[in-house]
Amino acid sequence: MKTVQISLNSIDKVKSFVNAITQYEYDFDLISGRYVIDAKSIMGIFSLDLSKPIDLAIHTENGVDEIMEVLKPYLAE
């Protein structure tokens, strides 16, 4: 499992993020405080506070480099 911080500060970013990760069969969780949300759920993402970066847990050891390449536009600085 790998955890990175991402920023989803616009509706378009949320939509493109969900479209990007749904092509993978791995599980992705967004962690904000005590809330853990399925990252493939647009409704779940909008229940979080998107004004600050969120932790994304990627539940796989395989293909992490490829996933990180896809996540580049969403990574928090």
PDB file of N, CA and C in Angstrom:
ATOM      1  N   MET A   1       0.849  -1.186   0.000  1.00  0.00           N
ATOM      2  CA  MET A   1       0.000   0.000   0.000  1.00  0.00           C
ATOM      3  C   MET A   1       0.889   1.242   0.000  1.00  0.00           C
ATOM      4  N   LYS A   2       0.474   2.236  -0.757  1.00  0.00           N
ATOM      5  CA  LYS A   2       1.196   3.507  -0.818  1.00  0.00           C
ATOM      6  C   LYS A   2       0.208   4.625  -0.539  1.00  0.00           C
ATOM      7  N   THR A   3       0.644   5.650   0.184  1.00  0.00           N
ATOM      8  CA  THR A   3      -0.212   6.793   0.486  1.00  0.00           C
ATOM      9  C   THR A   3       0.442   8.063  -0.034  1.00  0.00           C
ATOM     10  N   VAL A   4      -0.356   8.873  -0.742  1.00  0.00           N
ATOM     11  CA  VAL A   4       0.117  10.162  -1.254  1.00  0.00           C
ATOM     12  C   VAL A   4      -0.930  11.226  -0.930  1.00  0.00           C
ATOM     13  N   GLN A   5      -0.513  12.489  -0.963  1.00  0.00           N
ATOM     14  CA  GLN A   5      -1.461  13.584  -0.752  1.00  0.00           C
ATOM     15  C   GLN A   5      -1.889  14.139  -2.097  1.00  0.00           C
ATOM     16  N   ILE A   6      -3.207  14.306  -2.253  1.00  0.00           N
ATOM     17  CA  ILE A   6      -3.727  14.869  -3.497  1.00  0.00           C
ATOM     18  C   ILE A   6      -4.591  16.076  -3.188  1.00  0.00           C
ATOM     19  N   SER A   7      -4.790  16.888  -4.206  1.00  0.00           N
ATOM     20  CA  SER A   7      -5.630  18.074  -4.081  1.00  0.00           C
ATOM     21  C   SER A   7      -6.719  17.996  -5.143  1.00  0.00           C
ATOM     22  N   LEU A   8      -7.973  18.034  -4.697  1.00  0.00           N
ATOM     23  CA  LEU A   8      -9.130  17.987  -5.608  1.00  0.00           C
ATOM     24  C   LEU A   8      -9.980  19.222  -5.335  1.00  0.00           C
ATOM     25  N   ASN A   9      -9.490  20.377  -5.799  1.00  0.00           N
ATOM     26  CA  ASN A   9     -10.128  21.637  -5.424  1.00  0.00           C
ATOM     27  C   ASN A   9     -11.101  22.198  -6.461  1.00  0.00           C
ATOM     28  N   SER A  10     -11.541  21.364  -7.412  1.00  0.00           N
ATOM     29  CA  SER A  10     -12.572  21.813  -8.357  1.00  0.00           C
ATOM     30  C   SER A  10     -13.412  20.604  -8.794  1.00  0.00           C
ATOM     31  N   ILE A  11     -14.603  20.876  -9.255  1.00  0.00           N
ATOM     32  CA  ILE A  11     -15.510  19.811  -9.695  1.00  0.00           C
ATOM     33  C   ILE A  11     -14.901  19.055 -10.875  1.00  0.00           C
ATOM     34  N   ASP A  12     -14.300  19.782 -11.819  1.00  0.00           N
ATOM     35  CA  ASP A  12     -13.684  19.132 -12.980  1.00  0.00           C
ATOM     36  C   ASP A  12     -12.534  18.220 -12.571  1.00  0.00           C
ATOM     37  N   LYS A  13     -11.754  18.662 -11.570  1.00  0.00           N
ATOM     38  CA  LYS A  13     -10.646  17.842 -11.085  1.00  0.00           C
ATOM     39  C   LYS A  13     -11.164  16.549 -10.456  1.00  0.00           C
ATOM     40  N   VAL A  14     -12.252  16.638  -9.702  1.00  0.00           N
ATOM     41  CA  VAL A  14     -12.830  15.446  -9.075  1.00  0.00           C
ATOM     42  C   VAL A  14     -13.287  14.472 -10.154  1.00  0.00           C
ATOM     43  N   LYS A  15     -13.999  14.979 -11.170  1.00  0.00           N
ATOM     44  CA  LYS A  15     -14.505  14.106 -12.234  1.00  0.00           C
ATOM     45  C   LYS A  15     -13.372  13.431 -12.996  1.00  0.00           C
ATOM     46  N   SER A  16     -12.345  14.192 -13.366  1.00  0.00           N
ATOM     47  CA  SER A  16     -11.249  13.593 -14.123  1.00  0.00           C
ATOM     48  C   SER A  16     -10.434  12.633 -13.260  1.00  0.00           C
ATOM     49  N   PHE A  17     -10.311  12.922 -11.962  1.00  0.00           N
ATOM     50  CA  PHE A  17      -9.614  12.021 -11.035  1.00  0.00           C
ATOM     51  C   PHE A  17     -10.335  10.678 -10.951  1.00  0.00           C
ATOM     52  N   VAL A  18     -11.650  10.704 -10.760  1.00  0.00           N
ATOM     53  CA  VAL A  18     -12.428   9.459 -10.658  1.00  0.00           C
ATOM     54  C   VAL A  18     -12.336   8.682 -11.970  1.00  0.00           C
ATOM     55  N   ASN A  19     -12.445   9.370 -13.100  1.00  0.00           N
ATOM     56  CA  ASN A  19     -12.311   8.690 -14.397  1.00  0.00           C
ATOM     57  C   ASN A  19     -10.935   8.047 -14.552  1.00  0.00           C
ATOM     58  N   ALA A  20      -9.897   8.711 -14.058  1.00  0.00           N
ATOM     59  CA  ALA A  20      -8.536   8.196 -14.194  1.00  0.00           C
ATOM     60  C   ALA A  20      -8.324   6.931 -13.361  1.00  0.00           C
ATOM     61  N   ILE A  21      -8.860   6.899 -12.132  1.00  0.00           N
ATOM     62  CA  ILE A  21      -8.565   5.738 -11.271  1.00  0.00           C
ATOM     63  C   ILE A  21      -9.537   4.578 -11.459  1.00  0.00           C
ATOM     64  N   THR A  22     -10.698   4.813 -12.044  1.00  0.00           N
ATOM     65  CA  THR A  22     -11.636   3.699 -12.226  1.00  0.00           C
ATOM     66  C   THR A  22     -11.147   2.700 -13.261  1.00  0.00           C
ATOM     67  N   GLN A  23     -10.132   3.051 -14.053  1.00  0.00           N
ATOM     68  CA  GLN A  23      -9.584   2.096 -15.025  1.00  0.00           C
ATOM     69  C   GLN A  23      -8.737   1.019 -14.345  1.00  0.00           C
ATOM     70  N   TYR A  24      -8.440   1.188 -13.062  1.00  0.00           N
ATOM     71  CA  TYR A  24      -7.651   0.198 -12.321  1.00  0.00           C
ATOM     72  C   TYR A  24      -8.573  -0.621 -11.424  1.00  0.00           C
ATOM     73  N   GLU A  25      -8.252  -1.921 -11.278  1.00  0.00           N
ATOM     74  CA  GLU A  25      -9.097  -2.758 -10.431  1.00  0.00           C
ATOM     75  C   GLU A  25      -8.714  -2.661  -8.958  1.00  0.00           C
ATOM     76  N   TYR A  26      -7.613  -1.970  -8.644  1.00  0.00           N
ATOM     77  CA  TYR A  26      -7.180  -1.837  -7.257  1.00  0.00           C
ATOM     78  C   TYR A  26      -8.150  -0.964  -6.471  1.00  0.00           C
ATOM     79  N   ASP A  27      -8.070  -1.094  -5.142  1.00  0.00           N
ATOM     80  CA  ASP A  27      -8.875  -0.230  -4.268  1.00  0.00           C
ATOM     81  C   ASP A  27      -8.110   1.050  -3.980  1.00  0.00           C
ATOM     82  N   PHE A  28      -8.832   2.159  -3.970  1.00  0.00           N
ATOM     83  CA  PHE A  28      -8.280   3.461  -3.624  1.00  0.00           C
ATOM     84  C   PHE A  28      -9.168   4.050  -2.540  1.00  0.00           C
ATOM     85  N   ASP A  29      -8.569   4.524  -1.446  1.00  0.00           N
ATOM     86  CA  ASP A  29      -9.332   5.164  -0.370  1.00  0.00           C
ATOM     87  C   ASP A  29      -8.834   6.585  -0.178  1.00  0.00           C
ATOM     88  N   LEU A  30      -9.773   7.503   0.056  1.00  0.00           N
ATOM     89  CA  LEU A  30      -9.420   8.861   0.431  1.00  0.00           C
ATOM     90  C   LEU A  30      -9.618   8.985   1.934  1.00  0.00           C
ATOM     91  N   ILE A  31      -8.626   9.542   2.615  1.00  0.00           N
ATOM     92  CA  ILE A  31      -8.655   9.639   4.069  1.00  0.00           C
ATOM     93  C   ILE A  31      -8.568  11.112   4.446  1.00  0.00           C
ATOM     94  N   SER A  32      -9.600  11.586   5.112  1.00  0.00           N
ATOM     95  CA  SER A  32      -9.644  12.973   5.566  1.00  0.00           C
ATOM     96  C   SER A  32     -10.092  12.959   7.023  1.00  0.00           C
ATOM     97  N   GLY A  33      -9.147  13.196   7.919  1.00  0.00           N
ATOM     98  CA  GLY A  33      -9.467  13.115   9.346  1.00  0.00           C
ATOM     99  C   GLY A  33      -9.862  11.700   9.699  1.00  0.00           C
ATOM    100  N   ARG A  34     -11.057  11.525  10.256  1.00  0.00           N
ATOM    101  CA  ARG A  34     -11.503  10.177  10.624  1.00  0.00           C
ATOM    102  C   ARG A  34     -12.382   9.534   9.560  1.00  0.00           C
ATOM    103  N   TYR A  35     -12.540  10.197   8.430  1.00  0.00           N
ATOM    104  CA  TYR A  35     -13.364   9.663   7.352  1.00  0.00           C
ATOM    105  C   TYR A  35     -12.514   8.925   6.325  1.00  0.00           C
ATOM    106  N   VAL A  36     -12.979   7.749   5.923  1.00  0.00           N
ATOM    107  CA  VAL A  36     -12.341   6.980   4.857  1.00  0.00           C
ATOM    108  C   VAL A  36     -13.403   6.738   3.790  1.00  0.00           C
ATOM    109  N   ILE A  37     -13.139   7.213   2.585  1.00  0.00           N
ATOM    110  CA  ILE A  37     -14.110   7.182   1.488  1.00  0.00           C
ATOM    111  C   ILE A  37     -13.515   6.400   0.321  1.00  0.00           C
ATOM    112  N   ASP A  38     -14.353   5.639  -0.380  1.00  0.00           N
ATOM    113  CA  ASP A  38     -13.928   4.984  -1.620  1.00  0.00           C
ATOM    114  C   ASP A  38     -13.624   6.078  -2.642  1.00  0.00           C
ATOM    115  N   ALA A  39     -12.379   6.131  -3.119  1.00  0.00           N
ATOM    116  CA  ALA A  39     -11.962   7.207  -4.024  1.00  0.00           C
ATOM    117  C   ALA A  39     -12.636   7.127  -5.385  1.00  0.00           C
ATOM    118  N   LYS A  40     -13.284   6.012  -5.698  1.00  0.00           N
ATOM    119  CA  LYS A  40     -13.980   5.887  -6.981  1.00  0.00           C
ATOM    120  C   LYS A  40     -15.421   6.391  -6.899  1.00  0.00           C
ATOM    121  N   SER A  41     -15.820   6.894  -5.734  1.00  0.00           N
ATOM    122  CA  SER A  41     -17.181   7.383  -5.524  1.00  0.00           C
ATOM    123  C   SER A  41     -17.207   8.911  -5.569  1.00  0.00           C
ATOM    124  N   ILE A  42     -17.791   9.454  -6.636  1.00  0.00           N
ATOM    125  CA  ILE A  42     -17.873  10.918  -6.759  1.00  0.00           C
ATOM    126  C   ILE A  42     -18.686  11.501  -5.601  1.00  0.00           C
ATOM    127  N   MET A  43     -19.786  10.873  -5.262  1.00  0.00           N
ATOM    128  CA  MET A  43     -20.611  11.381  -4.153  1.00  0.00           C
ATOM    129  C   MET A  43     -19.831  11.345  -2.839  1.00  0.00           C
ATOM    130  N   GLY A  44     -19.072  10.295  -2.630  1.00  0.00           N
ATOM    131  CA  GLY A  44     -18.259  10.193  -1.420  1.00  0.00           C
ATOM    132  C   GLY A  44     -17.222  11.297  -1.346  1.00  0.00           C
ATOM    133  N   ILE A  45     -16.578  11.578  -2.473  1.00  0.00           N
ATOM    134  CA  ILE A  45     -15.552  12.624  -2.500  1.00  0.00           C
ATOM    135  C   ILE A  45     -16.155  13.976  -2.147  1.00  0.00           C
ATOM    136  N   PHE A  46     -17.347  14.264  -2.659  1.00  0.00           N
ATOM    137  CA  PHE A  46     -17.963  15.559  -2.378  1.00  0.00           C
ATOM    138  C   PHE A  46     -18.435  15.687  -0.928  1.00  0.00           C
ATOM    139  N   SER A  47     -18.422  14.584  -0.168  1.00  0.00           N
ATOM    140  CA  SER A  47     -18.774  14.679   1.249  1.00  0.00           C
ATOM    141  C   SER A  47     -17.569  15.097   2.095  1.00  0.00           C
ATOM    142  N   LEU A  48     -16.394  15.171   1.472  1.00  0.00           N
ATOM    143  CA  LEU A  48     -15.174  15.557   2.193  1.00  0.00           C
ATOM    144  C   LEU A  48     -14.912  17.054   2.062  1.00  0.00           C
ATOM    145  N   ASP A  49     -14.047  17.567   2.935  1.00  0.00           N
ATOM    146  CA  ASP A  49     -13.594  18.956   2.854  1.00  0.00           C
ATOM    147  C   ASP A  49     -12.502  19.016   1.790  1.00  0.00           C
ATOM    148  N   LEU A  50     -12.829  19.550   0.617  1.00  0.00           N
ATOM    149  CA  LEU A  50     -11.896  19.565  -0.508  1.00  0.00           C
ATOM    150  C   LEU A  50     -11.025  20.817  -0.546  1.00  0.00           C
ATOM    151  N   SER A  51     -11.131  21.659   0.476  1.00  0.00           N
ATOM    152  CA  SER A  51     -10.344  22.896   0.483  1.00  0.00           C
ATOM    153  C   SER A  51      -8.891  22.649   0.869  1.00  0.00           C
ATOM    154  N   LYS A  52      -8.595  21.467   1.405  1.00  0.00           N
ATOM    155  CA  LYS A  52      -7.207  21.148   1.756  1.00  0.00           C
ATOM    156  C   LYS A  52      -6.842  19.781   1.187  1.00  0.00           C
ATOM    157  N   PRO A  53      -5.544  19.486   1.087  1.00  0.00           N
ATOM    158  CA  PRO A  53      -5.126  18.187   0.526  1.00  0.00           C
ATOM    159  C   PRO A  53      -5.673  17.001   1.319  1.00  0.00           C
ATOM    160  N   ILE A  54      -5.883  15.888   0.620  1.00  0.00           N
ATOM    161  CA  ILE A  54      -6.456  14.666   1.195  1.00  0.00           C
ATOM    162  C   ILE A  54      -5.460  13.535   0.954  1.00  0.00           C
ATOM    163  N   ASP A  55      -5.397  12.603   1.894  1.00  0.00           N
ATOM    164  CA  ASP A  55      -4.534  11.428   1.717  1.00  0.00           C
ATOM    165  C   ASP A  55      -5.230  10.410   0.830  1.00  0.00           C
ATOM    166  N   LEU A  56      -4.513   9.886  -0.148  1.00  0.00           N
ATOM    167  CA  LEU A  56      -5.014   8.827  -1.023  1.00  0.00           C
ATOM    168  C   LEU A  56      -4.216   7.565  -0.737  1.00  0.00           C
ATOM    169  N   ALA A  57      -4.909   6.512  -0.307  1.00  0.00           N
ATOM    170  CA  ALA A  57      -4.261   5.218  -0.070  1.00  0.00           C
ATOM    171  C   ALA A  57      -4.496   4.335  -1.283  1.00  0.00           C
ATOM    172  N   ILE A  58      -3.394   3.857  -1.866  1.00  0.00           N
ATOM    173  CA  ILE A  58      -3.453   2.983  -3.041  1.00  0.00           C
ATOM    174  C   ILE A  58      -3.159   1.570  -2.559  1.00  0.00           C
ATOM    175  N   HIS A  59      -4.136   0.679  -2.675  1.00  0.00           N
ATOM    176  CA  HIS A  59      -4.024  -0.673  -2.125  1.00  0.00           C
ATOM    177  C   HIS A  59      -3.478  -1.664  -3.149  1.00  0.00           C
ATOM    178  N   THR A  60      -2.210  -1.488  -3.501  1.00  0.00           N
ATOM    179  CA  THR A  60      -1.533  -2.439  -4.383  1.00  0.00           C
ATOM    180  C   THR A  60      -0.038  -2.244  -4.257  1.00  0.00           C
ATOM    181  N   GLU A  61       0.694  -3.267  -4.605  1.00  0.00           N
ATOM    182  CA  GLU A  61       2.151  -3.153  -4.687  1.00  0.00           C
ATOM    183  C   GLU A  61       2.585  -3.153  -6.149  1.00  0.00           C
ATOM    184  N   ASN A  62       1.708  -3.615  -7.038  1.00  0.00           N
ATOM    185  CA  ASN A  62       2.021  -3.727  -8.465  1.00  0.00           C
ATOM    186  C   ASN A  62       1.572  -2.473  -9.207  1.00  0.00           C
ATOM    187  N   GLY A  63       2.351  -2.037 -10.164  1.00  0.00           N
ATOM    188  CA  GLY A  63       1.921  -0.937 -11.023  1.00  0.00           C
ATOM    189  C   GLY A  63       1.842   0.410 -10.355  1.00  0.00           C
ATOM    190  N   VAL A  64       2.506   0.588  -9.217  1.00  0.00           N
ATOM    191  CA  VAL A  64       2.428   1.868  -8.504  1.00  0.00           C
ATOM    192  C   VAL A  64       3.035   2.995  -9.337  1.00  0.00           C
ATOM    193  N   ASP A  65       4.114   2.716 -10.067  1.00  0.00           N
ATOM    194  CA  ASP A  65       4.743   3.758 -10.887  1.00  0.00           C
ATOM    195  C   ASP A  65       3.784   4.271 -11.956  1.00  0.00           C
ATOM    196  N   GLU A  66       3.054   3.359 -12.575  1.00  0.00           N
ATOM    197  CA  GLU A  66       2.074   3.753 -13.602  1.00  0.00           C
ATOM    198  C   GLU A  66       0.959   4.604 -12.985  1.00  0.00           C
ATOM    199  N   ILE A  67       0.485   4.183 -11.822  1.00  0.00           N
ATOM    200  CA  ILE A  67      -0.581   4.936 -11.139  1.00  0.00           C
ATOM    201  C   ILE A  67      -0.083   6.325 -10.747  1.00  0.00           C
ATOM    202  N   MET A  68       1.153   6.416 -10.255  1.00  0.00           N
ATOM    203  CA  MET A  68       1.709   7.720  -9.859  1.00  0.00           C
ATOM    204  C   MET A  68       1.797   8.657 -11.070  1.00  0.00           C
ATOM    205  N   GLU A  69       2.089   8.114 -12.235  1.00  0.00           N
ATOM    206  CA  GLU A  69       2.146   8.914 -13.460  1.00  0.00           C
ATOM    207  C   GLU A  69       0.761   9.502 -13.768  1.00  0.00           C
ATOM    208  N   VAL A  70      -0.276   8.677 -13.611  1.00  0.00           N
ATOM    209  CA  VAL A  70      -1.654   9.129 -13.869  1.00  0.00           C
ATOM    210  C   VAL A  70      -2.087  10.166 -12.821  1.00  0.00           C
ATOM    211  N   LEU A  71      -1.579  10.043 -11.597  1.00  0.00           N
ATOM    212  CA  LEU A  71      -1.982  10.934 -10.507  1.00  0.00           C
ATOM    213  C   LEU A  71      -1.233  12.261 -10.478  1.00  0.00           C
ATOM    214  N   LYS A  72      -0.213  12.422 -11.317  1.00  0.00           N
ATOM    215  CA  LYS A  72       0.616  13.643 -11.286  1.00  0.00           C
ATOM    216  C   LYS A  72      -0.187  14.952 -11.246  1.00  0.00           C
ATOM    217  N   PRO A  73      -1.241  15.106 -12.062  1.00  0.00           N
ATOM    218  CA  PRO A  73      -1.969  16.393 -12.032  1.00  0.00           C
ATOM    219  C   PRO A  73      -2.707  16.654 -10.714  1.00  0.00           C
ATOM    220  N   TYR A  74      -2.875  15.614  -9.890  1.00  0.00           N
ATOM    221  CA  TYR A  74      -3.668  15.757  -8.667  1.00  0.00           C
ATOM    222  C   TYR A  74      -2.819  15.808  -7.400  1.00  0.00           C
ATOM    223  N   LEU A  75      -1.519  15.547  -7.526  1.00  0.00           N
ATOM    224  CA  LEU A  75      -0.652  15.505  -6.347  1.00  0.00           C
ATOM    225  C   LEU A  75      -0.552  16.897  -5.720  1.00  0.00           C
ATOM    226  N   ALA A  76      -0.647  16.938  -4.392  1.00  0.00           N
ATOM    227  CA  ALA A  76      -0.543  18.204  -3.668  1.00  0.00           C
ATOM    228  C   ALA A  76       0.925  18.631  -3.620  1.00  0.00           C
ATOM    229  N   GLU A  77       1.149  19.923  -3.756  1.00  0.00           N
ATOM    230  CA  GLU A  77       2.533  20.424  -3.689  1.00  0.00           C
ATOM    231  C   GLU A  77       3.017  20.422  -2.280  1.00  0.00           C
TER     232      GLU A  77
END
